[in-house]
């Protein structure tokens, strides 16, 4: 048995029947051939936000759309964070926190220590530091 679908207009009229005309929910549900609990739910939903009530099949309220968009964005950001957090090969080092200046300064410190140690590579290192 297929589930019945009701239009927004039908639901609004059913709610008006209960709220404006004062028909009991039990009687209105019987007259409209819907379950009492369904009609109660419609009345409650319409009372909470009449403009956004019953958005339709496949439609979402603006708040729900925003929540869904934010969930997708959080999921994407978490995936990007996990990629950067875990070292997955040499390309991941490109995204390391160290900048090119920090790397260059580390090389210069190593070069100075080679010069001070009177290394055989002293002339090579000295020439490199000039450039």
C-alpha atoms as a PDB file:
ATOM      1  CA  UNK A   1       0.000   0.000   0.000  1.00  0.00           C
ATOM      2  CA  UNK A   2       1.432   3.363  -1.032  1.00  0.00           C
ATOM      3  CA  UNK A   3       1.732   6.205   1.422  1.00  0.00           C
ATOM      4  CA  UNK A   4      -0.706   9.039   0.832  1.00  0.00           C
ATOM      5  CA  UNK A   5       0.608  12.499   0.070  1.00  0.00           C
ATOM      6  CA  UNK A   6      -1.227  15.691   0.880  1.00  0.00           C
ATOM      7  CA  UNK A   7      -0.705  19.087  -0.708  1.00  0.00           C
ATOM      8  CA  UNK A   8       0.249  22.123   1.320  1.00  0.00           C
ATOM      9  CA  UNK A   9      -3.163  23.670   0.589  1.00  0.00           C
ATOM     10  CA  UNK A  10      -4.960  20.611   1.946  1.00  0.00           C
ATOM     11  CA  UNK A  11      -2.930  20.706   5.156  1.00  0.00           C
ATOM     12  CA  UNK A  12      -3.466  24.454   5.633  1.00  0.00           C
ATOM     13  CA  UNK A  13      -7.227  24.076   5.139  1.00  0.00           C
ATOM     14  CA  UNK A  14      -7.320  21.158   7.576  1.00  0.00           C
ATOM     15  CA  UNK A  15      -5.506  23.270  10.183  1.00  0.00           C
ATOM     16  CA  UNK A  16      -7.868  26.209   9.580  1.00  0.00           C
ATOM     17  CA  UNK A  17     -10.819  23.880  10.038  1.00  0.00           C
ATOM     18  CA  UNK A  18      -9.528  23.044  13.523  1.00  0.00           C
ATOM     19  CA  UNK A  19      -8.175  26.433  14.601  1.00  0.00           C
ATOM     20  CA  UNK A  20     -10.571  28.939  13.046  1.00  0.00           C
ATOM     21  CA  UNK A  21     -13.836  27.024  12.877  1.00  0.00           C
ATOM     22  CA  UNK A  22     -13.329  25.240  16.181  1.00  0.00           C
ATOM     23  CA  UNK A  23     -13.942  21.722  14.886  1.00  0.00           C
ATOM     24  CA  UNK A  24     -12.520  19.068  17.200  1.00  0.00           C
ATOM     25  CA  UNK A  25      -9.388  17.352  15.928  1.00  0.00           C
ATOM     26  CA  UNK A  26     -11.040  13.941  16.243  1.00  0.00           C
ATOM     27  CA  UNK A  27     -14.055  15.019  14.151  1.00  0.00           C
ATOM     28  CA  UNK A  28     -11.938  16.867  11.558  1.00  0.00           C
ATOM     29  CA  UNK A  29      -9.629  13.878  11.184  1.00  0.00           C
ATOM     30  CA  UNK A  30     -12.597  11.578  10.670  1.00  0.00           C
ATOM     31  CA  UNK A  31     -14.165  13.952   8.098  1.00  0.00           C
ATOM     32  CA  UNK A  32     -10.893  14.357   6.178  1.00  0.00           C
ATOM     33  CA  UNK A  33     -10.011  10.652   6.410  1.00  0.00           C
ATOM     34  CA  UNK A  34      -6.633  11.225   8.085  1.00  0.00           C
ATOM     35  CA  UNK A  35      -5.315   9.919  11.385  1.00  0.00           C
ATOM     36  CA  UNK A  36      -5.785  12.136  14.437  1.00  0.00           C
ATOM     37  CA  UNK A  37      -2.070  12.190  15.184  1.00  0.00           C
ATOM     38  CA  UNK A  38      -1.303  13.364  11.655  1.00  0.00           C
ATOM     39  CA  UNK A  39      -3.736  16.253  12.010  1.00  0.00           C
ATOM     40  CA  UNK A  40      -2.314  17.121  15.441  1.00  0.00           C
ATOM     41  CA  UNK A  41       1.161  17.210  13.919  1.00  0.00           C
ATOM     42  CA  UNK A  42      -0.041  19.538  11.147  1.00  0.00           C
ATOM     43  CA  UNK A  43      -1.655  21.889  13.681  1.00  0.00           C
ATOM     44  CA  UNK A  44       1.519  21.933  15.787  1.00  0.00           C
ATOM     45  CA  UNK A  45       3.780  22.506  12.766  1.00  0.00           C
ATOM     46  CA  UNK A  46       1.561  25.282  11.412  1.00  0.00           C
ATOM     47  CA  UNK A  47       1.431  26.940  14.842  1.00  0.00           C
ATOM     48  CA  UNK A  48       5.215  26.983  15.138  1.00  0.00           C
ATOM     49  CA  UNK A  49       5.848  28.784  11.833  1.00  0.00           C
ATOM     50  CA  UNK A  50       2.899  29.382   9.469  1.00  0.00           C
ATOM     51  CA  UNK A  51       5.056  30.774   6.648  1.00  0.00           C
ATOM     52  CA  UNK A  52       7.505  27.858   6.566  1.00  0.00           C
ATOM     53  CA  UNK A  53       5.077  25.074   7.478  1.00  0.00           C
ATOM     54  CA  UNK A  54       4.672  22.219   5.000  1.00  0.00           C
ATOM     55  CA  UNK A  55       7.517  23.116   2.600  1.00  0.00           C
ATOM     56  CA  UNK A  56       6.684  20.227   0.290  1.00  0.00           C
ATOM     57  CA  UNK A  57       8.231  16.970  -0.818  1.00  0.00           C
ATOM     58  CA  UNK A  58      11.980  17.331  -1.266  1.00  0.00           C
ATOM     59  CA  UNK A  59      11.905  20.935  -0.089  1.00  0.00           C
ATOM     60  CA  UNK A  60      13.664  22.100   3.043  1.00  0.00           C
ATOM     61  CA  UNK A  61      13.123  25.032   5.296  1.00  0.00           C
ATOM     62  CA  UNK A  62      15.812  27.722   4.950  1.00  0.00           C
ATOM     63  CA  UNK A  63      17.213  26.831   8.360  1.00  0.00           C
ATOM     64  CA  UNK A  64      17.504  23.182   7.359  1.00  0.00           C
ATOM     65  CA  UNK A  65      19.235  24.136   4.102  1.00  0.00           C
ATOM     66  CA  UNK A  66      21.789  26.196   6.024  1.00  0.00           C
ATOM     67  CA  UNK A  67      22.386  23.372   8.514  1.00  0.00           C
ATOM     68  CA  UNK A  68      22.896  20.899   5.669  1.00  0.00           C
ATOM     69  CA  UNK A  69      25.313  23.262   3.886  1.00  0.00           C
ATOM     70  CA  UNK A  70      27.308  23.745   7.090  1.00  0.00           C
ATOM     71  CA  UNK A  71      27.457  19.971   7.709  1.00  0.00           C
ATOM     72  CA  UNK A  72      28.887  19.411   4.230  1.00  0.00           C
ATOM     73  CA  UNK A  73      31.431  22.196   4.785  1.00  0.00           C
ATOM     74  CA  UNK A  74      32.508  20.742   8.150  1.00  0.00           C
ATOM     75  CA  UNK A  75      32.900  17.311   6.554  1.00  0.00           C
ATOM     76  CA  UNK A  76      35.075  18.775   3.778  1.00  0.00           C
ATOM     77  CA  UNK A  77      37.227  20.759   6.216  1.00  0.00           C
ATOM     78  CA  UNK A  78      37.736  17.711   8.442  1.00  0.00           C
ATOM     79  CA  UNK A  79      38.903  15.694   5.444  1.00  0.00           C
ATOM     80  CA  UNK A  80      41.344  18.449   4.441  1.00  0.00           C
ATOM     81  CA  UNK A  81      42.616  18.690   8.031  1.00  0.00           C
ATOM     82  CA  UNK A  82      43.156  14.941   8.217  1.00  0.00           C
ATOM     83  CA  UNK A  83      45.138  14.982   4.976  1.00  0.00           C
ATOM     84  CA  UNK A  84      47.365  17.756   6.259  1.00  0.00           C
ATOM     85  CA  UNK A  85      47.663  16.248   9.733  1.00  0.00           C
ATOM     86  CA  UNK A  86      48.815  12.830   8.547  1.00  0.00           C
ATOM     87  CA  UNK A  87      52.007  12.581   6.527  1.00  0.00           C
ATOM     88  CA  UNK A  88      50.908  10.789   3.351  1.00  0.00           C
ATOM     89  CA  UNK A  89      54.053  11.018   1.296  1.00  0.00           C
ATOM     90  CA  UNK A  90      56.581  13.615   0.188  1.00  0.00           C
ATOM     91  CA  UNK A  91      53.944  16.025  -1.166  1.00  0.00           C
ATOM     92  CA  UNK A  92      52.525  16.465   2.338  1.00  0.00           C
ATOM     93  CA  UNK A  93      55.745  18.139   3.402  1.00  0.00           C
ATOM     94  CA  UNK A  94      54.902  21.000   1.053  1.00  0.00           C
ATOM     95  CA  UNK A  95      52.085  21.904   3.420  1.00  0.00           C
ATOM     96  CA  UNK A  96      54.253  21.841   6.544  1.00  0.00           C
ATOM     97  CA  UNK A  97      54.200  24.796   8.901  1.00  0.00           C
ATOM     98  CA  UNK A  98      57.820  25.705   8.187  1.00  0.00           C
ATOM     99  CA  UNK A  99      58.254  28.536   5.744  1.00  0.00           C
ATOM    100  CA  UNK A 100      60.958  28.896   3.124  1.00  0.00           C
ATOM    101  CA  UNK A 101      62.697  31.476   5.328  1.00  0.00           C
ATOM    102  CA  UNK A 102      62.888  29.033   8.229  1.00  0.00           C
ATOM    103  CA  UNK A 103      64.409  26.377   5.980  1.00  0.00           C
ATOM    104  CA  UNK A 104      66.899  28.849   4.515  1.00  0.00           C
ATOM    105  CA  UNK A 105      67.947  30.018   7.973  1.00  0.00           C
ATOM    106  CA  UNK A 106      68.507  26.391   9.046  1.00  0.00           C
ATOM    107  CA  UNK A 107      70.783  25.880   6.029  1.00  0.00           C
ATOM    108  CA  UNK A 108      72.725  29.027   6.892  1.00  0.00           C
ATOM    109  CA  UNK A 109      73.233  27.814  10.481  1.00  0.00           C
ATOM    110  CA  UNK A 110      74.527  24.495   9.141  1.00  0.00           C
ATOM    111  CA  UNK A 111      76.847  26.337   6.751  1.00  0.00           C
ATOM    112  CA  UNK A 112      78.270  28.517   9.524  1.00  0.00           C
ATOM    113  CA  UNK A 113      78.922  25.462  11.652  1.00  0.00           C
ATOM    114  CA  UNK A 114      80.784  23.864   8.707  1.00  0.00           C
ATOM    115  CA  UNK A 115      82.913  26.997   8.356  1.00  0.00           C
ATOM    116  CA  UNK A 116      83.709  27.047  12.039  1.00  0.00           C
ATOM    117  CA  UNK A 117      84.689  23.366  11.964  1.00  0.00           C
ATOM    118  CA  UNK A 118      87.342  24.041   9.302  1.00  0.00           C
ATOM    119  CA  UNK A 119      85.679  21.516   7.041  1.00  0.00           C
ATOM    120  CA  UNK A 120      87.216  20.602   3.672  1.00  0.00           C
ATOM    121  CA  UNK A 121      84.021  21.980   2.154  1.00  0.00           C
ATOM    122  CA  UNK A 122      84.811  25.390   3.633  1.00  0.00           C
ATOM    123  CA  UNK A 123      85.417  27.108   0.287  1.00  0.00           C
ATOM    124  CA  UNK A 124      82.270  25.636  -1.264  1.00  0.00           C
ATOM    125  CA  UNK A 125      80.125  26.696   1.673  1.00  0.00           C
ATOM    126  CA  UNK A 126      81.693  30.137   1.799  1.00  0.00           C
ATOM    127  CA  UNK A 127      80.913  30.653  -1.909  1.00  0.00           C
ATOM    128  CA  UNK A 128      77.334  29.470  -1.432  1.00  0.00           C
ATOM    129  CA  UNK A 129      76.744  31.927   1.409  1.00  0.00           C
ATOM    130  CA  UNK A 130      77.741  34.877  -0.766  1.00  0.00           C
ATOM    131  CA  UNK A 131      74.988  34.179  -3.308  1.00  0.00           C
END
